[in-house]
C-alpha cells in the first residue's frame, strides 16, 4: 500500500512540475514596430506598436549616444497588449546633448503562455 501511495504521489508531483513548466514557456516572436523620436536634444522617446493579436513582452535596451562621445544604456521590460502601443522616454544624464542620428534600440520580443 505504501509503495502504491508513494508512486502515486511521485507521479502527481511530476505532473504538476511539467504543467507549471509548460505554462511558463516563452517563445521569441516579432511583428513589433519601433519608432525613435527625440525632444529638444536631451530626451529620447521610443514608441513600440504591437501588430500581433496577442500580448508580448519586449526586452528593450535604449542606447543613447551623447555629444561627449559617451554611451548610456537603459534596459527595460515593456509589456504591450494585443494590437497595443507603449511609449518609453529616457532623459540624457547630466544634461548632455544627445547625438540623435547615433542612438538606437535593441529589442527581443517574446510571448509567454
PDB file of N, CA and C in Angstrom:
ATOM      1  N   UNK A   1       0.821  -1.190   0.000  1.00  0.00           N
ATOM      2  CA  UNK A   1       0.000   0.000   0.000  1.00  0.00           C
ATOM      3  C   UNK A   1       0.868   1.258   0.000  1.00  0.00           C
ATOM      4  N   UNK A   2       1.931   1.263   0.817  1.00  0.00           N
ATOM      5  CA  UNK A   2       2.801   2.429   0.882  1.00  0.00           C
ATOM      6  C   UNK A   2       3.496   2.666  -0.454  1.00  0.00           C
ATOM      7  N   UNK A   3       3.865   1.580  -1.137  1.00  0.00           N
ATOM      8  CA  UNK A   3       4.548   1.710  -2.419  1.00  0.00           C
ATOM      9  C   UNK A   3       3.626   2.339  -3.456  1.00  0.00           C
ATOM     10  N   UNK A   4       2.353   1.907  -3.480  1.00  0.00           N
ATOM     11  CA  UNK A   4       1.390   2.465  -4.429  1.00  0.00           C
ATOM     12  C   UNK A   4       1.139   3.943  -4.131  1.00  0.00           C
ATOM     13  N   UNK A   5       1.019   4.278  -2.865  1.00  0.00           N
ATOM     14  CA  UNK A   5       0.789   5.665  -2.476  1.00  0.00           C
ATOM     15  C   UNK A   5       1.995   6.530  -2.837  1.00  0.00           C
ATOM     16  N   UNK A   6       3.187   6.025  -2.574  1.00  0.00           N
ATOM     17  CA  UNK A   6       4.400   6.760  -2.897  1.00  0.00           C
ATOM     18  C   UNK A   6       4.532   6.955  -4.409  1.00  0.00           C
ATOM     19  N   UNK A   7       4.241   5.924  -5.180  1.00  0.00           N
ATOM     20  CA  UNK A   7       4.286   6.024  -6.639  1.00  0.00           C
ATOM     21  C   UNK A   7       3.275   7.048  -7.138  1.00  0.00           C
ATOM     22  N   UNK A   8       2.071   7.011  -6.584  1.00  0.00           N
ATOM     23  CA  UNK A   8       1.029   7.969  -6.965  1.00  0.00           C
ATOM     24  C   UNK A   8       1.469   9.404  -6.667  1.00  0.00           C
ATOM     25  N   UNK A   9       2.033   9.626  -5.496  1.00  0.00           N
ATOM     26  CA  UNK A   9       2.479  10.968  -5.120  1.00  0.00           C
ATOM     27  C   UNK A   9       3.608  11.455  -6.027  1.00  0.00           C
ATOM     28  N   UNK A  10       4.518  10.572  -6.384  1.00  0.00           N
ATOM     29  CA  UNK A  10       5.616  10.960  -7.273  1.00  0.00           C
ATOM     30  C   UNK A  10       5.086  11.329  -8.656  1.00  0.00           C
ATOM     31  N   UNK A  11       4.129  10.564  -9.165  1.00  0.00           N
ATOM     32  CA  UNK A  11       3.523  10.880 -10.462  1.00  0.00           C
ATOM     33  C   UNK A  11       2.766  12.205 -10.405  1.00  0.00           C
ATOM     34  N   UNK A  12       2.078  12.446  -9.308  1.00  0.00           N
ATOM     35  CA  UNK A  12       1.335  13.689  -9.134  1.00  0.00           C
ATOM     36  C   UNK A  12       2.289  14.890  -9.115  1.00  0.00           C
ATOM     37  N   UNK A  13       3.376  14.781  -8.399  1.00  0.00           N
ATOM     38  CA  UNK A  13       4.366  15.862  -8.337  1.00  0.00           C
ATOM     39  C   UNK A  13       4.989  16.095  -9.712  1.00  0.00           C
ATOM     40  N   UNK A  14       5.349  15.031 -10.409  1.00  0.00           N
ATOM     41  CA  UNK A  14       5.944  15.164 -11.742  1.00  0.00           C
ATOM     42  C   UNK A  14       4.973  15.835 -12.707  1.00  0.00           C
ATOM     43  N   UNK A  15       3.695  15.490 -12.617  1.00  0.00           N
ATOM     44  CA  UNK A  15       2.679  16.105 -13.470  1.00  0.00           C
ATOM     45  C   UNK A  15       2.548  17.592 -13.172  1.00  0.00           C
ATOM     46  N   UNK A  16       2.542  17.951 -11.904  1.00  0.00           N
ATOM     47  CA  UNK A  16       2.431  19.367 -11.517  1.00  0.00           C
ATOM     48  C   UNK A  16       3.629  20.167 -12.007  1.00  0.00           C
ATOM     49  N   UNK A  17       4.817  19.630 -11.856  1.00  0.00           N
ATOM     50  CA  UNK A  17       6.027  20.326 -12.304  1.00  0.00           C
ATOM     51  C   UNK A  17       5.999  20.510 -13.816  1.00  0.00           C
ATOM     52  N   UNK A  18       5.620  19.484 -14.552  1.00  0.00           N
ATOM     53  CA  UNK A  18       5.559  19.577 -16.010  1.00  0.00           C
ATOM     54  C   UNK A  18       4.524  20.604 -16.448  1.00  0.00           C
ATOM     55  N   UNK A  19       3.394  20.666 -15.757  1.00  0.00           N
ATOM     56  CA  UNK A  19       2.347  21.632 -16.088  1.00  0.00           C
ATOM     57  C   UNK A  19       2.826  23.054 -15.847  1.00  0.00           C
ATOM     58  N   UNK A  20       3.485  23.297 -14.740  1.00  0.00           N
ATOM     59  CA  UNK A  20       3.995  24.637 -14.430  1.00  0.00           C
ATOM     60  C   UNK A  20       5.034  25.053 -15.461  1.00  0.00           C
ATOM     61  N   UNK A  21       5.934  24.152 -15.837  1.00  0.00           N
ATOM     62  CA  UNK A  21       6.953  24.486 -16.825  1.00  0.00           C
ATOM     63  C   UNK A  21       6.321  24.782 -18.175  1.00  0.00           C
ATOM     64  N   UNK A  22       5.305  24.032 -18.578  1.00  0.00           N
ATOM     65  CA  UNK A  22       4.635  24.268 -19.853  1.00  0.00           C
ATOM     66  C   UNK A  22       3.882  25.588 -19.834  1.00  0.00           C
ATOM     67  N   UNK A  23       3.277  25.934 -18.697  1.00  0.00           N
ATOM     68  CA  UNK A  23       2.532  27.182 -18.592  1.00  0.00           C
ATOM     69  C   UNK A  23       3.441  28.395 -18.668  1.00  0.00           C
ATOM     70  N   UNK A  24       4.701  28.268 -18.283  1.00  0.00           N
ATOM     71  CA  UNK A  24       5.626  29.389 -18.274  1.00  0.00           C
ATOM     72  C   UNK A  24       6.506  29.439 -19.520  1.00  0.00           C
ATOM     73  N   UNK A  25       6.181  28.646 -20.526  1.00  0.00           N
ATOM     74  CA  UNK A  25       7.003  28.600 -21.728  1.00  0.00           C
ATOM     75  C   UNK A  25       6.865  29.899 -22.514  1.00  0.00           C
ATOM     76  N   UNK A  26       7.986  30.492 -22.866  1.00  0.00           N
ATOM     77  CA  UNK A  26       8.002  31.718 -23.657  1.00  0.00           C
ATOM     78  C   UNK A  26       8.688  31.430 -24.985  1.00  0.00           C
ATOM     79  N   UNK A  27       8.211  32.076 -26.033  1.00  0.00           N
ATOM     80  CA  UNK A  27       8.826  31.928 -27.342  1.00  0.00           C
ATOM     81  C   UNK A  27       9.148  33.304 -27.907  1.00  0.00           C
ATOM     82  N   UNK A  28      10.216  33.355 -28.666  1.00  0.00           N
ATOM     83  CA  UNK A  28      10.596  34.602 -29.322  1.00  0.00           C
ATOM     84  C   UNK A  28       9.674  34.800 -30.514  1.00  0.00           C
ATOM     85  N   UNK A  29       9.192  36.003 -30.669  1.00  0.00           N
ATOM     86  CA  UNK A  29       8.284  36.328 -31.767  1.00  0.00           C
ATOM     87  C   UNK A  29       8.735  37.652 -32.370  1.00  0.00           C
ATOM     88  N   UNK A  30       7.928  38.271 -33.131  1.00  0.00           N
ATOM     89  CA  UNK A  30       8.294  39.541 -33.759  1.00  0.00           C
ATOM     90  C   UNK A  30       7.061  40.385 -33.996  1.00  0.00           C
ATOM     91  N   UNK A  31       7.064  41.125 -35.102  1.00  0.00           N
ATOM     92  CA  UNK A  31       5.935  41.940 -35.525  1.00  0.00           C
ATOM     93  C   UNK A  31       5.648  43.095 -34.570  1.00  0.00           C
ATOM     94  N   UNK A  32       6.710  43.622 -33.954  1.00  0.00           N
ATOM     95  CA  UNK A  32       6.600  44.826 -33.132  1.00  0.00           C
ATOM     96  C   UNK A  32       7.449  45.905 -33.797  1.00  0.00           C
ATOM     97  N   UNK A  33       6.809  47.017 -34.092  1.00  0.00           N
ATOM     98  CA  UNK A  33       7.467  48.133 -34.771  1.00  0.00           C
ATOM     99  C   UNK A  33       7.953  49.150 -33.743  1.00  0.00           C
ATOM    100  N   UNK A  34       9.133  49.711 -33.971  1.00  0.00           N
ATOM    101  CA  UNK A  34       9.647  50.754 -33.071  1.00  0.00           C
ATOM    102  C   UNK A  34       9.904  52.027 -33.865  1.00  0.00           C
ATOM    103  N   UNK A  35       9.604  53.151 -33.242  1.00  0.00           N
ATOM    104  CA  UNK A  35       9.859  54.451 -33.842  1.00  0.00           C
ATOM    105  C   UNK A  35      10.610  55.289 -32.822  1.00  0.00           C
ATOM    106  N   UNK A  36      11.769  55.815 -33.202  1.00  0.00           N
ATOM    107  CA  UNK A  36      12.585  56.629 -32.295  1.00  0.00           C
ATOM    108  C   UNK A  36      12.362  58.106 -32.601  1.00  0.00           C
ATOM    109  N   UNK A  37      12.057  58.871 -31.560  1.00  0.00           N
ATOM    110  CA  UNK A  37      11.946  60.322 -31.693  1.00  0.00           C
ATOM    111  C   UNK A  37      12.762  60.959 -30.582  1.00  0.00           C
ATOM    112  N   UNK A  38      12.985  62.248 -30.686  1.00  0.00           N
ATOM    113  CA  UNK A  38      13.723  62.962 -29.653  1.00  0.00           C
ATOM    114  C   UNK A  38      13.111  64.339 -29.474  1.00  0.00           C
ATOM    115  N   UNK A  39      13.060  64.811 -28.245  1.00  0.00           N
ATOM    116  CA  UNK A  39      12.558  66.146 -27.955  1.00  0.00           C
ATOM    117  C   UNK A  39      13.712  67.007 -27.480  1.00  0.00           C
ATOM    118  N   UNK A  40      13.873  68.136 -28.016  1.00  0.00           N
ATOM    119  CA  UNK A  40      14.833  69.185 -27.642  1.00  0.00           C
ATOM    120  C   UNK A  40      16.281  68.709 -27.474  1.00  0.00           C
ATOM    121  N   UNK A  41      16.626  67.528 -27.995  1.00  0.00           N
ATOM    122  CA  UNK A  41      18.006  67.066 -27.960  1.00  0.00           C
ATOM    123  C   UNK A  41      18.493  66.500 -26.644  1.00  0.00           C
ATOM    124  N   UNK A  42      17.653  66.480 -25.627  1.00  0.00           N
ATOM    125  CA  UNK A  42      18.057  65.987 -24.313  1.00  0.00           C
ATOM    126  C   UNK A  42      17.190  64.829 -23.822  1.00  0.00           C
ATOM    127  N   UNK A  43      16.255  64.419 -24.648  1.00  0.00           N
ATOM    128  CA  UNK A  43      15.341  63.357 -24.256  1.00  0.00           C
ATOM    129  C   UNK A  43      15.089  62.478 -25.476  1.00  0.00           C
ATOM    130  N   UNK A  44      14.959  61.185 -25.243  1.00  0.00           N
ATOM    131  CA  UNK A  44      14.722  60.235 -26.330  1.00  0.00           C
ATOM    132  C   UNK A  44      13.442  59.472 -26.040  1.00  0.00           C
ATOM    133  N   UNK A  45      12.551  59.444 -27.018  1.00  0.00           N
ATOM    134  CA  UNK A  45      11.286  58.737 -26.877  1.00  0.00           C
ATOM    135  C   UNK A  45      11.216  57.642 -27.932  1.00  0.00           C
ATOM    136  N   UNK A  46      10.814  56.447 -27.503  1.00  0.00           N
ATOM    137  CA  UNK A  46      10.649  55.317 -28.417  1.00  0.00           C
ATOM    138  C   UNK A  46       9.220  54.818 -28.282  1.00  0.00           C
ATOM    139  N   UNK A  47       8.527  54.709 -29.415  1.00  0.00           N
ATOM    140  CA  UNK A  47       7.172  54.160 -29.409  1.00  0.00           C
ATOM    141  C   UNK A  47       7.214  52.756 -30.001  1.00  0.00           C
ATOM    142  N   UNK A  48       6.590  51.820 -29.302  1.00  0.00           N
ATOM    143  CA  UNK A  48       6.501  50.434 -29.750  1.00  0.00           C
ATOM    144  C   UNK A  48       5.056  50.140 -30.115  1.00  0.00           C
ATOM    145  N   UNK A  49       4.830  49.536 -31.290  1.00  0.00           N
ATOM    146  CA  UNK A  49       3.485  49.164 -31.735  1.00  0.00           C
ATOM    147  C   UNK A  49       3.466  47.665 -31.962  1.00  0.00           C
ATOM    148  N   UNK A  50       2.585  46.975 -31.238  1.00  0.00           N
ATOM    149  CA  UNK A  50       2.436  45.526 -31.357  1.00  0.00           C
ATOM    150  C   UNK A  50       1.413  45.236 -32.452  1.00  0.00           C
ATOM    151  N   UNK A  51       1.841  44.615 -33.538  1.00  0.00           N
ATOM    152  CA  UNK A  51       0.947  44.274 -34.647  1.00  0.00           C
ATOM    153  C   UNK A  51       0.399  42.849 -34.526  1.00  0.00           C
ATOM    154  N   UNK A  52       0.592  42.217 -33.374  1.00  0.00           N
ATOM    155  CA  UNK A  52       0.102  40.856 -33.141  1.00  0.00           C
ATOM    156  C   UNK A  52      -1.273  40.896 -32.483  1.00  0.00           C
ATOM    157  N   UNK A  53      -2.021  39.811 -32.622  1.00  0.00           N
ATOM    158  CA  UNK A  53      -3.321  39.712 -31.947  1.00  0.00           C
ATOM    159  C   UNK A  53      -3.177  39.024 -30.587  1.00  0.00           C
ATOM    160  N   UNK A  54      -1.982  39.093 -30.025  1.00  0.00           N
ATOM    161  CA  UNK A  54      -1.702  38.580 -28.680  1.00  0.00           C
ATOM    162  C   UNK A  54      -0.703  39.527 -28.010  1.00  0.00           C
ATOM    163  N   UNK A  55      -0.691  39.509 -26.686  1.00  0.00           N
ATOM    164  CA  UNK A  55       0.215  40.396 -25.946  1.00  0.00           C
ATOM    165  C   UNK A  55       1.653  39.892 -26.043  1.00  0.00           C
ATOM    166  N   UNK A  56       2.589  40.826 -25.903  1.00  0.00           N
ATOM    167  CA  UNK A  56       4.007  40.484 -25.973  1.00  0.00           C
ATOM    168  C   UNK A  56       4.771  41.211 -24.869  1.00  0.00           C
ATOM    169  N   UNK A  57       5.932  40.667 -24.539  1.00  0.00           N
ATOM    170  CA  UNK A  57       6.902  41.331 -23.669  1.00  0.00           C
ATOM    171  C   UNK A  57       8.083  41.711 -24.547  1.00  0.00           C
ATOM    172  N   UNK A  58       8.547  42.929 -24.403  1.00  0.00           N
ATOM    173  CA  UNK A  58       9.682  43.387 -25.193  1.00  0.00           C
ATOM    174  C   UNK A  58      10.820  43.713 -24.236  1.00  0.00           C
ATOM    175  N   UNK A  59      11.915  42.970 -24.367  1.00  0.00           N
ATOM    176  CA  UNK A  59      13.122  43.224 -23.586  1.00  0.00           C
ATOM    177  C   UNK A  59      13.906  44.278 -24.365  1.00  0.00           C
ATOM    178  N   UNK A  60      13.856  45.513 -23.883  1.00  0.00           N
ATOM    179  CA  UNK A  60      14.366  46.670 -24.608  1.00  0.00           C
ATOM    180  C   UNK A  60      15.648  47.184 -23.962  1.00  0.00           C
ATOM    181  N   UNK A  61      16.588  47.601 -24.777  1.00  0.00           N
ATOM    182  CA  UNK A  61      17.720  48.397 -24.304  1.00  0.00           C
ATOM    183  C   UNK A  61      17.811  49.617 -25.209  1.00  0.00           C
ATOM    184  N   UNK A  62      17.529  50.777 -24.637  1.00  0.00           N
ATOM    185  CA  UNK A  62      17.661  52.031 -25.373  1.00  0.00           C
ATOM    186  C   UNK A  62      19.108  52.487 -25.214  1.00  0.00           C
ATOM    187  N   UNK A  63      19.779  52.682 -26.336  1.00  0.00           N
ATOM    188  CA  UNK A  63      21.180  53.096 -26.315  1.00  0.00           C
ATOM    189  C   UNK A  63      21.245  54.552 -26.780  1.00  0.00           C
ATOM    190  N   UNK A  64      21.648  55.404 -25.864  1.00  0.00           N
ATOM    191  CA  UNK A  64      21.714  56.835 -26.114  1.00  0.00           C
ATOM    192  C   UNK A  64      23.185  57.227 -26.280  1.00  0.00           C
ATOM    193  N   UNK A  65      23.530  57.763 -27.446  1.00  0.00           N
ATOM    194  CA  UNK A  65      24.892  58.234 -27.695  1.00  0.00           C
ATOM    195  C   UNK A  65      24.898  59.739 -27.449  1.00  0.00           C
ATOM    196  N   UNK A  66      25.820  60.180 -26.610  1.00  0.00           N
ATOM    197  CA  UNK A  66      25.849  61.580 -26.192  1.00  0.00           C
ATOM    198  C   UNK A  66      26.906  62.374 -26.954  1.00  0.00           C
ATOM    199  N   UNK A  67      26.741  63.683 -26.959  1.00  0.00           N
ATOM    200  CA  UNK A  67      27.643  64.556 -27.725  1.00  0.00           C
ATOM    201  C   UNK A  67      29.081  64.534 -27.212  1.00  0.00           C
ATOM    202  N   UNK A  68      29.293  64.094 -25.982  1.00  0.00           N
ATOM    203  CA  UNK A  68      30.663  63.993 -25.462  1.00  0.00           C
ATOM    204  C   UNK A  68      31.334  62.670 -25.839  1.00  0.00           C
ATOM    205  N   UNK A  69      30.631  61.849 -26.646  1.00  0.00           N
ATOM    206  CA  UNK A  69      31.177  60.577 -27.108  1.00  0.00           C
ATOM    207  C   UNK A  69      30.830  59.385 -26.237  1.00  0.00           C
ATOM    208  N   UNK A  70      30.246  59.627 -25.084  1.00  0.00           N
ATOM    209  CA  UNK A  70      29.887  58.515 -24.197  1.00  0.00           C
ATOM    210  C   UNK A  70      28.564  57.887 -24.640  1.00  0.00           C
ATOM    211  N   UNK A  71      28.298  56.724 -24.081  1.00  0.00           N
ATOM    212  CA  UNK A  71      27.083  55.980 -24.390  1.00  0.00           C
ATOM    213  C   UNK A  71      26.380  55.628 -23.093  1.00  0.00           C
ATOM    214  N   UNK A  72      25.074  55.766 -23.070  1.00  0.00           N
ATOM    215  CA  UNK A  72      24.271  55.353 -21.918  1.00  0.00           C
ATOM    216  C   UNK A  72      23.272  54.306 -22.393  1.00  0.00           C
ATOM    217  N   UNK A  73      23.135  53.218 -21.618  1.00  0.00           N
ATOM    218  CA  UNK A  73      22.170  52.169 -21.953  1.00  0.00           C
ATOM    219  C   UNK A  73      21.095  52.121 -20.882  1.00  0.00           C
ATOM    220  N   UNK A  74      19.847  52.018 -21.332  1.00  0.00           N
ATOM    221  CA  UNK A  74      18.700  51.980 -20.435  1.00  0.00           C
ATOM    222  C   UNK A  74      17.902  50.706 -20.712  1.00  0.00           C
ATOM    223  N   UNK A  75      18.147  49.629 -19.955  1.00  0.00           N
ATOM    224  CA  UNK A  75      17.374  48.397 -20.154  1.00  0.00           C
ATOM    225  C   UNK A  75      16.005  48.510 -19.488  1.00  0.00           C
ATOM    226  N   UNK A  76      15.015  47.894 -20.108  1.00  0.00           N
ATOM    227  CA  UNK A  76      13.656  47.924 -19.559  1.00  0.00           C
ATOM    228  C   UNK A  76      12.845  46.792 -20.181  1.00  0.00           C
ATOM    229  N   UNK A  77      11.924  46.228 -19.399  1.00  0.00           N
ATOM    230  CA  UNK A  77      10.991  45.228 -19.915  1.00  0.00           C
ATOM    231  C   UNK A  77       9.659  45.932 -20.139  1.00  0.00           C
ATOM    232  N   UNK A  78       9.127  45.819 -21.346  1.00  0.00           N
ATOM    233  CA  UNK A  78       7.903  46.516 -21.718  1.00  0.00           C
ATOM    234  C   UNK A  78       6.837  45.487 -22.074  1.00  0.00           C
ATOM    235  N   UNK A  79       5.669  45.607 -21.455  1.00  0.00           N
ATOM    236  CA  UNK A  79       4.522  44.753 -21.789  1.00  0.00           C
ATOM    237  C   UNK A  79       3.623  45.535 -22.741  1.00  0.00           C
ATOM    238  N   UNK A  80       3.233  44.901 -23.854  1.00  0.00           N
ATOM    239  CA  UNK A  80       2.341  45.549 -24.810  1.00  0.00           C
ATOM    240  C   UNK A  80       1.173  44.607 -25.084  1.00  0.00           C
ATOM    241  N   UNK A  81      -0.060  45.059 -24.841  1.00  0.00           N
ATOM    242  CA  UNK A  81      -1.213  44.205 -25.113  1.00  0.00           C
ATOM    243  C   UNK A  81      -1.397  43.980 -26.620  1.00  0.00           C
ATOM    244  N   UNK A  82      -2.257  43.049 -26.973  1.00  0.00           N
ATOM    245  CA  UNK A  82      -2.540  42.747 -28.374  1.00  0.00           C
ATOM    246  C   UNK A  82      -2.912  44.022 -29.119  1.00  0.00           C
ATOM    247  N   UNK A  83      -2.269  44.252 -30.260  1.00  0.00           N
ATOM    248  CA  UNK A  83      -2.505  45.421 -31.109  1.00  0.00           C
ATOM    249  C   UNK A  83      -2.360  46.748 -30.373  1.00  0.00           C
ATOM    250  N   UNK A  84      -1.591  46.765 -29.298  1.00  0.00           N
ATOM    251  CA  UNK A  84      -1.438  47.967 -28.484  1.00  0.00           C
ATOM    252  C   UNK A  84      -0.152  48.717 -28.765  1.00  0.00           C
ATOM    253  N   UNK A  85      -0.011  49.847 -28.057  1.00  0.00           N
ATOM    254  CA  UNK A  85       1.177  50.698 -28.169  1.00  0.00           C
ATOM    255  C   UNK A  85       1.735  50.968 -26.787  1.00  0.00           C
ATOM    256  N   UNK A  86       3.025  51.246 -26.734  1.00  0.00           N
ATOM    257  CA  UNK A  86       3.683  51.641 -25.489  1.00  0.00           C
ATOM    258  C   UNK A  86       4.774  52.638 -25.851  1.00  0.00           C
ATOM    259  N   UNK A  87       4.865  53.710 -25.070  1.00  0.00           N
ATOM    260  CA  UNK A  87       5.884  54.726 -25.288  1.00  0.00           C
ATOM    261  C   UNK A  87       6.826  54.762 -24.093  1.00  0.00           C
ATOM    262  N   UNK A  88       8.127  54.795 -24.372  1.00  0.00           N
ATOM    263  CA  UNK A  88       9.149  54.867 -23.332  1.00  0.00           C
ATOM    264  C   UNK A  88      10.000  56.107 -23.604  1.00  0.00           C
ATOM    265  N   UNK A  89      10.189  56.935 -22.573  1.00  0.00           N
ATOM    266  CA  UNK A  89      11.003  58.147 -22.700  1.00  0.00           C
ATOM    267  C   UNK A  89      12.140  58.108 -21.688  1.00  0.00           C
ATOM    268  N   UNK A  90      13.333  58.416 -22.155  1.00  0.00           N
ATOM    269  CA  UNK A  90      14.516  58.481 -21.293  1.00  0.00           C
ATOM    270  C   UNK A  90      15.183  59.837 -21.482  1.00  0.00           C
ATOM    271  N   UNK A  91      15.715  60.378 -20.397  1.00  0.00           N
ATOM    272  CA  UNK A  91      16.394  61.671 -20.440  1.00  0.00           C
ATOM    273  C   UNK A  91      17.902  61.488 -20.393  1.00  0.00           C
ATOM    274  N   UNK A  92      18.586  62.402 -21.032  1.00  0.00           N
ATOM    275  CA  UNK A  92      20.043  62.393 -21.048  1.00  0.00           C
ATOM    276  C   UNK A  92      20.585  62.626 -19.645  1.00  0.00           C
ATOM    277  N   UNK A  93      21.537  61.800 -19.218  1.00  0.00           N
ATOM    278  CA  UNK A  93      22.133  62.020 -17.902  1.00  0.00           C
ATOM    279  C   UNK A  93      23.018  63.270 -17.918  1.00  0.00           C
ATOM    280  N   UNK A  94      23.107  63.931 -16.820  1.00  0.00           N
ATOM    281  CA  UNK A  94      23.933  65.130 -16.656  1.00  0.00           C
ATOM    282  C   UNK A  94      23.628  66.213 -17.693  1.00  0.00           C
ATOM    283  N   UNK A  95      22.437  66.162 -18.284  1.00  0.00           N
ATOM    284  CA  UNK A  95      22.003  67.196 -19.225  1.00  0.00           C
ATOM    285  C   UNK A  95      22.980  67.389 -20.394  1.00  0.00           C
ATOM    286  N   UNK A  96      23.501  66.271 -20.923  1.00  0.00           N
ATOM    287  CA  UNK A  96      24.397  66.300 -22.085  1.00  0.00           C
ATOM    288  C   UNK A  96      23.559  66.054 -23.333  1.00  0.00           C
ATOM    289  N   UNK A  97      23.799  66.817 -24.365  1.00  0.00           N
ATOM    290  CA  UNK A  97      23.019  66.711 -25.595  1.00  0.00           C
ATOM    291  C   UNK A  97      23.181  65.329 -26.240  1.00  0.00           C
ATOM    292  N   UNK A  98      22.090  64.847 -26.838  1.00  0.00           N
ATOM    293  CA  UNK A  98      22.057  63.538 -27.500  1.00  0.00           C
ATOM    294  C   UNK A  98      22.470  63.691 -28.964  1.00  0.00           C
ATOM    295  N   UNK A  99      23.279  62.742 -29.457  1.00  0.00           N
ATOM    296  CA  UNK A  99      23.567  62.658 -30.894  1.00  0.00           C
ATOM    297  C   UNK A  99      22.448  61.807 -31.490  1.00  0.00           C
ATOM    298  N   UNK A 100      21.400  62.465 -31.941  1.00  0.00           N
ATOM    299  CA  UNK A 100      20.173  61.774 -32.337  1.00  0.00           C
ATOM    300  C   UNK A 100      20.385  60.729 -33.421  1.00  0.00           C
ATOM    301  N   UNK A 101      21.234  61.002 -34.398  1.00  0.00           N
ATOM    302  CA  UNK A 101      21.424  60.065 -35.505  1.00  0.00           C
ATOM    303  C   UNK A 101      22.245  58.838 -35.118  1.00  0.00           C
ATOM    304  N   UNK A 102      22.845  58.839 -33.927  1.00  0.00           N
ATOM    305  CA  UNK A 102      23.667  57.707 -33.483  1.00  0.00           C
ATOM    306  C   UNK A 102      22.954  56.817 -32.463  1.00  0.00           C
ATOM    307  N   UNK A 103      21.796  57.237 -31.977  1.00  0.00           N
ATOM    308  CA  UNK A 103      21.062  56.455 -30.971  1.00  0.00           C
ATOM    309  C   UNK A 103      20.360  55.270 -31.627  1.00  0.00           C
ATOM    310  N   UNK A 104      20.162  54.216 -30.851  1.00  0.00           N
ATOM    311  CA  UNK A 104      19.467  53.044 -31.382  1.00  0.00           C
ATOM    312  C   UNK A 104      18.806  52.263 -30.253  1.00  0.00           C
ATOM    313  N   UNK A 105      17.990  51.275 -30.657  1.00  0.00           N
ATOM    314  CA  UNK A 105      17.243  50.452 -29.709  1.00  0.00           C
ATOM    315  C   UNK A 105      17.490  48.991 -30.039  1.00  0.00           C
ATOM    316  N   UNK A 106      17.861  48.209 -29.018  1.00  0.00           N
ATOM    317  CA  UNK A 106      17.965  46.754 -29.153  1.00  0.00           C
ATOM    318  C   UNK A 106      16.719  46.169 -28.505  1.00  0.00           C
ATOM    319  N   UNK A 107      16.125  45.156 -29.128  1.00  0.00           N
ATOM    320  CA  UNK A 107      14.933  44.567 -28.516  1.00  0.00           C
ATOM    321  C   UNK A 107      14.779  43.105 -28.900  1.00  0.00           C
ATOM    322  N   UNK A 108      14.200  42.352 -27.955  1.00  0.00           N
ATOM    323  CA  UNK A 108      13.814  40.964 -28.179  1.00  0.00           C
ATOM    324  C   UNK A 108      12.354  40.863 -27.765  1.00  0.00           C
ATOM    325  N   UNK A 109      11.522  40.390 -28.678  1.00  0.00           N
ATOM    326  CA  UNK A 109      10.084  40.294 -28.436  1.00  0.00           C
ATOM    327  C   UNK A 109       9.734  38.847 -28.116  1.00  0.00           C
ATOM    328  N   UNK A 110       9.039  38.635 -26.996  1.00  0.00           N
ATOM    329  CA  UNK A 110       8.614  37.286 -26.615  1.00  0.00           C
ATOM    330  C   UNK A 110       7.140  37.281 -26.259  1.00  0.00           C
ATOM    331  N   UNK A 111       6.554  36.120 -26.365  1.00  0.00           N
ATOM    332  CA  UNK A 111       5.201  35.911 -25.875  1.00  0.00           C
ATOM    333  C   UNK A 111       5.245  34.698 -24.955  1.00  0.00           C
ATOM    334  N   UNK A 112       4.514  34.770 -23.860  1.00  0.00           N
ATOM    335  CA  UNK A 112       4.526  33.690 -22.875  1.00  0.00           C
ATOM    336  C   UNK A 112       3.122  33.139 -22.702  1.00  0.00           C
ATOM    337  N   UNK A 113       3.053  31.834 -22.538  1.00  0.00           N
ATOM    338  CA  UNK A 113       1.744  31.191 -22.344  1.00  0.00           C
ATOM    339  C   UNK A 113       1.584  30.777 -20.914  1.00  0.00           C
TER     340      UNK A 113
END
